[in-house]
Amino acid sequence: MPTVDDIIANFEILDDLDDRYRYLIELGRDLTPLPPEAHAEANRVRGCASQVWLETKVAGGQGDDPLLHFRGDSDAHLVKGLIALALALYDGRPASEIATTDATPLFGRLGLGGHLTRQRSNGFAAMVDRIRADARRALAGDPPEAPAALH
């Protein structure tokens, strides 16, 4: 999985919007497969037009700041790419960093905000909200397996 910096660099050399979409789809194809049992209702992200599942695992970190690891899947190729983008930004990071990291600047820097449908943009926001909510729950000592309803 490429880093966020790698993704930004690759987007900068792709002038054509179709090439950027193809690259996002390619990122989605490279995601670690989500096992069938992880396609559970508890992992479903609400607010996405497509079906999206996000699995969160909490690992030991420094002190009271655990590391969070994510895996995700979708029934839509482009959305899988957006999941890969979110995971590049948040996976393996401390919960305190995840809880305070806004993905909006990255989304804008990649030039996606003005080109994706409102539903896709809202779906990406719902994924980010879910990831950040899981980080806040991990910081509070609550398990991520019971996500709170998103607004």
C-alpha atoms as a PDB file:
ATOM      1  CA  MET A   1       0.000   0.000   0.000  1.00  0.00           C
ATOM      2  CA  PRO A   2       1.518   3.349  -0.985  1.00  0.00           C
ATOM      3  CA  THR A   3       1.927   6.095   1.565  1.00  0.00           C
ATOM      4  CA  VAL A   4      -0.089   9.299   1.445  1.00  0.00           C
ATOM      5  CA  ASP A   5       2.990  11.095   0.096  1.00  0.00           C
ATOM      6  CA  ASP A   6       3.310   8.506  -2.697  1.00  0.00           C
ATOM      7  CA  ILE A   7      -0.360   8.921  -3.583  1.00  0.00           C
ATOM      8  CA  ILE A   8      -0.011  12.719  -3.685  1.00  0.00           C
ATOM      9  CA  ALA A   9       3.086  12.441  -5.883  1.00  0.00           C
ATOM     10  CA  ASN A  10       1.310  10.072  -8.262  1.00  0.00           C
ATOM     11  CA  PHE A  11      -1.734  12.341  -8.470  1.00  0.00           C
ATOM     12  CA  GLU A  12       0.519  15.291  -9.296  1.00  0.00           C
ATOM     13  CA  ILE A  13       1.868  13.547 -12.395  1.00  0.00           C
ATOM     14  CA  LEU A  14      -1.597  12.448 -13.557  1.00  0.00           C
ATOM     15  CA  ASP A  15      -3.088  15.407 -15.418  1.00  0.00           C
ATOM     16  CA  ASP A  16      -6.146  13.653 -16.770  1.00  0.00           C
ATOM     17  CA  LEU A  17      -9.111  13.134 -14.448  1.00  0.00           C
ATOM     18  CA  ASP A  18      -9.791   9.703 -15.984  1.00  0.00           C
ATOM     19  CA  ASP A  19      -6.210   8.674 -15.162  1.00  0.00           C
ATOM     20  CA  ARG A  20      -6.720   9.790 -11.574  1.00  0.00           C
ATOM     21  CA  TYR A  21      -9.904   7.727 -11.341  1.00  0.00           C
ATOM     22  CA  ARG A  22      -8.097   4.703 -12.800  1.00  0.00           C
ATOM     23  CA  TYR A  23      -5.343   5.169 -10.217  1.00  0.00           C
ATOM     24  CA  LEU A  24      -7.911   5.313  -7.393  1.00  0.00           C
ATOM     25  CA  ILE A  25      -9.500   2.130  -8.685  1.00  0.00           C
ATOM     26  CA  GLU A  26      -6.064   0.501  -8.816  1.00  0.00           C
ATOM     27  CA  LEU A  27      -5.459   1.516  -5.174  1.00  0.00           C
ATOM     28  CA  GLY A  28      -8.732  -0.163  -4.269  1.00  0.00           C
ATOM     29  CA  ARG A  29      -7.736  -3.359  -6.049  1.00  0.00           C
ATOM     30  CA  ASP A  30      -4.573  -3.475  -3.941  1.00  0.00           C
ATOM     31  CA  LEU A  31      -6.463  -3.433  -0.625  1.00  0.00           C
ATOM     32  CA  THR A  32      -5.998  -6.415   1.654  1.00  0.00           C
ATOM     33  CA  PRO A  33      -9.155  -8.472   1.163  1.00  0.00           C
ATOM     34  CA  LEU A  34     -11.727  -8.224   3.914  1.00  0.00           C
ATOM     35  CA  PRO A  35     -12.843 -11.697   5.042  1.00  0.00           C
ATOM     36  CA  PRO A  36     -16.536 -12.523   4.580  1.00  0.00           C
ATOM     37  CA  GLU A  37     -17.227 -12.453   8.338  1.00  0.00           C
ATOM     38  CA  ALA A  38     -16.009  -8.827   8.442  1.00  0.00           C
ATOM     39  CA  HIS A  39     -18.843  -7.858   6.083  1.00  0.00           C
ATOM     40  CA  ALA A  40     -21.004  -7.696   9.200  1.00  0.00           C
ATOM     41  CA  GLU A  41     -23.595  -5.052   9.947  1.00  0.00           C
ATOM     42  CA  ALA A  42     -21.449  -3.693  12.806  1.00  0.00           C
ATOM     43  CA  ASN A  43     -18.709  -2.868  10.278  1.00  0.00           C
ATOM     44  CA  ARG A  44     -21.005  -1.241   7.726  1.00  0.00           C
ATOM     45  CA  VAL A  45     -20.450   2.484   7.239  1.00  0.00           C
ATOM     46  CA  ARG A  46     -23.661   4.440   7.084  1.00  0.00           C
ATOM     47  CA  GLY A  47     -23.905   7.496   4.880  1.00  0.00           C
ATOM     48  CA  CYS A  48     -22.378   5.876   1.799  1.00  0.00           C
ATOM     49  CA  ALA A  49     -24.420   5.273  -1.344  1.00  0.00           C
ATOM     50  CA  SER A  50     -22.410   2.081  -1.959  1.00  0.00           C
ATOM     51  CA  GLN A  51     -21.982  -0.725   0.516  1.00  0.00           C
ATOM     52  CA  VAL A  52     -18.895   0.012   2.634  1.00  0.00           C
ATOM     53  CA  TRP A  53     -17.456  -2.046   5.469  1.00  0.00           C
ATOM     54  CA  LEU A  54     -14.666  -0.911   7.738  1.00  0.00           C
ATOM     55  CA  GLU A  55     -12.984  -3.184  10.272  1.00  0.00           C
ATOM     56  CA  THR A  56     -11.045  -1.539  13.100  1.00  0.00           C
ATOM     57  CA  LYS A  57      -8.447  -3.281  15.251  1.00  0.00           C
ATOM     58  CA  VAL A  58      -6.854  -1.645  18.270  1.00  0.00           C
ATOM     59  CA  ALA A  59      -3.233  -2.523  18.987  1.00  0.00           C
ATOM     60  CA  GLY A  60      -0.884  -1.523  21.741  1.00  0.00           C
ATOM     61  CA  GLY A  61       0.603   1.917  21.466  1.00  0.00           C
ATOM     62  CA  GLN A  62       2.454   4.249  23.724  1.00  0.00           C
ATOM     63  CA  GLY A  63       0.698   4.652  27.065  1.00  0.00           C
ATOM     64  CA  ASP A  64      -2.966   5.441  26.673  1.00  0.00           C
ATOM     65  CA  ASP A  65      -2.643   6.128  22.930  1.00  0.00           C
ATOM     66  CA  PRO A  66      -3.298   2.847  21.097  1.00  0.00           C
ATOM     67  CA  LEU A  67      -2.532   2.300  17.430  1.00  0.00           C
ATOM     68  CA  LEU A  68      -5.462   1.636  15.135  1.00  0.00           C
ATOM     69  CA  HIS A  69      -5.414  -0.639  12.105  1.00  0.00           C
ATOM     70  CA  PHE A  70      -8.123  -0.654   9.488  1.00  0.00           C
ATOM     71  CA  ARG A  71      -9.298  -2.865   6.664  1.00  0.00           C
ATOM     72  CA  GLY A  72     -12.130  -2.005   4.359  1.00  0.00           C
ATOM     73  CA  ASP A  73     -14.178  -3.110   1.404  1.00  0.00           C
ATOM     74  CA  SER A  74     -16.917  -1.868  -0.870  1.00  0.00           C
ATOM     75  CA  ASP A  75     -19.098  -3.176  -3.647  1.00  0.00           C
ATOM     76  CA  ALA A  76     -17.996  -0.229  -5.845  1.00  0.00           C
ATOM     77  CA  HIS A  77     -14.520  -0.066  -7.436  1.00  0.00           C
ATOM     78  CA  LEU A  78     -14.075   3.707  -7.079  1.00  0.00           C
ATOM     79  CA  VAL A  79     -15.228   3.611  -3.465  1.00  0.00           C
ATOM     80  CA  LYS A  80     -12.658   0.895  -2.734  1.00  0.00           C
ATOM     81  CA  GLY A  81     -10.080   3.403  -3.991  1.00  0.00           C
ATOM     82  CA  LEU A  82     -11.443   6.026  -1.621  1.00  0.00           C
ATOM     83  CA  ILE A  83     -11.159   3.488   1.197  1.00  0.00           C
ATOM     84  CA  ALA A  84      -7.517   2.923   0.215  1.00  0.00           C
ATOM     85  CA  LEU A  85      -6.969   6.685   0.343  1.00  0.00           C
ATOM     86  CA  ALA A  86      -8.471   6.892   3.844  1.00  0.00           C
ATOM     87  CA  LEU A  87      -6.416   3.921   5.023  1.00  0.00           C
ATOM     88  CA  ALA A  88      -3.214   5.455   3.674  1.00  0.00           C
ATOM     89  CA  LEU A  89      -3.953   8.499   5.816  1.00  0.00           C
ATOM     90  CA  TYR A  90      -5.075   6.755   9.020  1.00  0.00           C
ATOM     91  CA  ASP A  91      -3.981   3.097   9.217  1.00  0.00           C
ATOM     92  CA  GLY A  92      -1.364   2.239  11.841  1.00  0.00           C
ATOM     93  CA  ARG A  93      -1.436   5.673  13.461  1.00  0.00           C
ATOM     94  CA  PRO A  94      -2.000   6.554  17.129  1.00  0.00           C
ATOM     95  CA  ALA A  95      -5.628   7.103  18.080  1.00  0.00           C
ATOM     96  CA  SER A  96      -4.929  10.689  19.232  1.00  0.00           C
ATOM     97  CA  GLU A  97      -3.469  11.562  15.825  1.00  0.00           C
ATOM     98  CA  ILE A  98      -6.361   9.935  13.959  1.00  0.00           C
ATOM     99  CA  ALA A  99      -8.944  11.724  16.094  1.00  0.00           C
ATOM    100  CA  THR A 100      -7.474  15.113  15.193  1.00  0.00           C
ATOM    101  CA  THR A 101      -6.487  14.533  11.549  1.00  0.00           C
ATOM    102  CA  ASP A 102      -8.919  16.026   9.052  1.00  0.00           C
ATOM    103  CA  ALA A 103      -8.898  14.348   5.625  1.00  0.00           C
ATOM    104  CA  THR A 104     -10.507  17.326   3.881  1.00  0.00           C
ATOM    105  CA  PRO A 105      -7.194  19.027   2.984  1.00  0.00           C
ATOM    106  CA  LEU A 106      -5.893  15.798   1.411  1.00  0.00           C
ATOM    107  CA  PHE A 107      -9.121  15.301  -0.523  1.00  0.00           C
ATOM    108  CA  GLY A 108      -8.855  18.856  -1.816  1.00  0.00           C
ATOM    109  CA  ARG A 109      -5.133  18.598  -2.576  1.00  0.00           C
ATOM    110  CA  LEU A 110      -5.805  15.586  -4.784  1.00  0.00           C
ATOM    111  CA  GLY A 111      -8.423  17.593  -6.661  1.00  0.00           C
ATOM    112  CA  LEU A 112     -11.187  15.131  -5.911  1.00  0.00           C
ATOM    113  CA  GLY A 113     -13.646  17.402  -4.149  1.00  0.00           C
ATOM    114  CA  GLY A 114     -14.912  19.148  -7.252  1.00  0.00           C
ATOM    115  CA  HIS A 115     -15.024  16.046  -9.428  1.00  0.00           C
ATOM    116  CA  LEU A 116     -16.729  13.365  -7.375  1.00  0.00           C
ATOM    117  CA  THR A 117     -20.478  13.191  -7.052  1.00  0.00           C
ATOM    118  CA  ARG A 118     -21.958  14.565  -3.871  1.00  0.00           C
ATOM    119  CA  GLN A 119     -22.841  11.016  -2.828  1.00  0.00           C
ATOM    120  CA  ARG A 120     -19.216   9.853  -3.225  1.00  0.00           C
ATOM    121  CA  SER A 121     -17.892  12.899  -1.349  1.00  0.00           C
ATOM    122  CA  ASN A 122     -20.426  12.344   1.427  1.00  0.00           C
ATOM    123  CA  GLY A 123     -19.496   8.654   1.518  1.00  0.00           C
ATOM    124  CA  PHE A 124     -15.812   9.510   1.934  1.00  0.00           C
ATOM    125  CA  ALA A 125     -16.740  11.913   4.734  1.00  0.00           C
ATOM    126  CA  ALA A 126     -18.784   9.152   6.405  1.00  0.00           C
ATOM    127  CA  MET A 127     -15.769   6.803   6.244  1.00  0.00           C
ATOM    128  CA  VAL A 128     -13.517   9.439   7.793  1.00  0.00           C
ATOM    129  CA  ASP A 129     -16.110  10.211  10.470  1.00  0.00           C
ATOM    130  CA  ARG A 130     -16.292   6.510  11.320  1.00  0.00           C
ATOM    131  CA  ILE A 131     -12.488   6.158  11.495  1.00  0.00           C
ATOM    132  CA  ARG A 132     -12.148   9.214  13.716  1.00  0.00           C
ATOM    133  CA  ALA A 133     -15.041   8.060  15.933  1.00  0.00           C
ATOM    134  CA  ASP A 134     -13.321   4.681  16.351  1.00  0.00           C
ATOM    135  CA  ALA A 135     -10.159   6.537  17.391  1.00  0.00           C
ATOM    136  CA  ARG A 136     -12.079   8.563  19.983  1.00  0.00           C
ATOM    137  CA  ARG A 137     -13.669   5.370  21.332  1.00  0.00           C
ATOM    138  CA  ALA A 138     -10.243   3.700  21.549  1.00  0.00           C
ATOM    139  CA  LEU A 139      -8.918   6.679  23.499  1.00  0.00           C
ATOM    140  CA  ALA A 140     -11.891   6.375  25.862  1.00  0.00           C
ATOM    141  CA  GLY A 141     -11.240   2.639  26.288  1.00  0.00           C
ATOM    142  CA  ASP A 142     -14.413   1.592  24.440  1.00  0.00           C
ATOM    143  CA  PRO A 143     -14.247  -1.234  21.896  1.00  0.00           C
ATOM    144  CA  PRO A 144     -14.521  -0.235  18.229  1.00  0.00           C
ATOM    145  CA  GLU A 145     -16.807  -3.179  17.429  1.00  0.00           C
ATOM    146  CA  ALA A 146     -19.917  -1.165  18.369  1.00  0.00           C
ATOM    147  CA  PRO A 147     -19.816   1.996  16.250  1.00  0.00           C
ATOM    148  CA  ALA A 148     -22.017   4.871  17.263  1.00  0.00           C
ATOM    149  CA  ALA A 149     -24.560   6.067  14.730  1.00  0.00           C
ATOM    150  CA  LEU A 150     -23.187   8.743  12.437  1.00  0.00           C
ATOM    151  CA  HIS A 151     -25.029  11.960  11.858  1.00  0.00           C
END
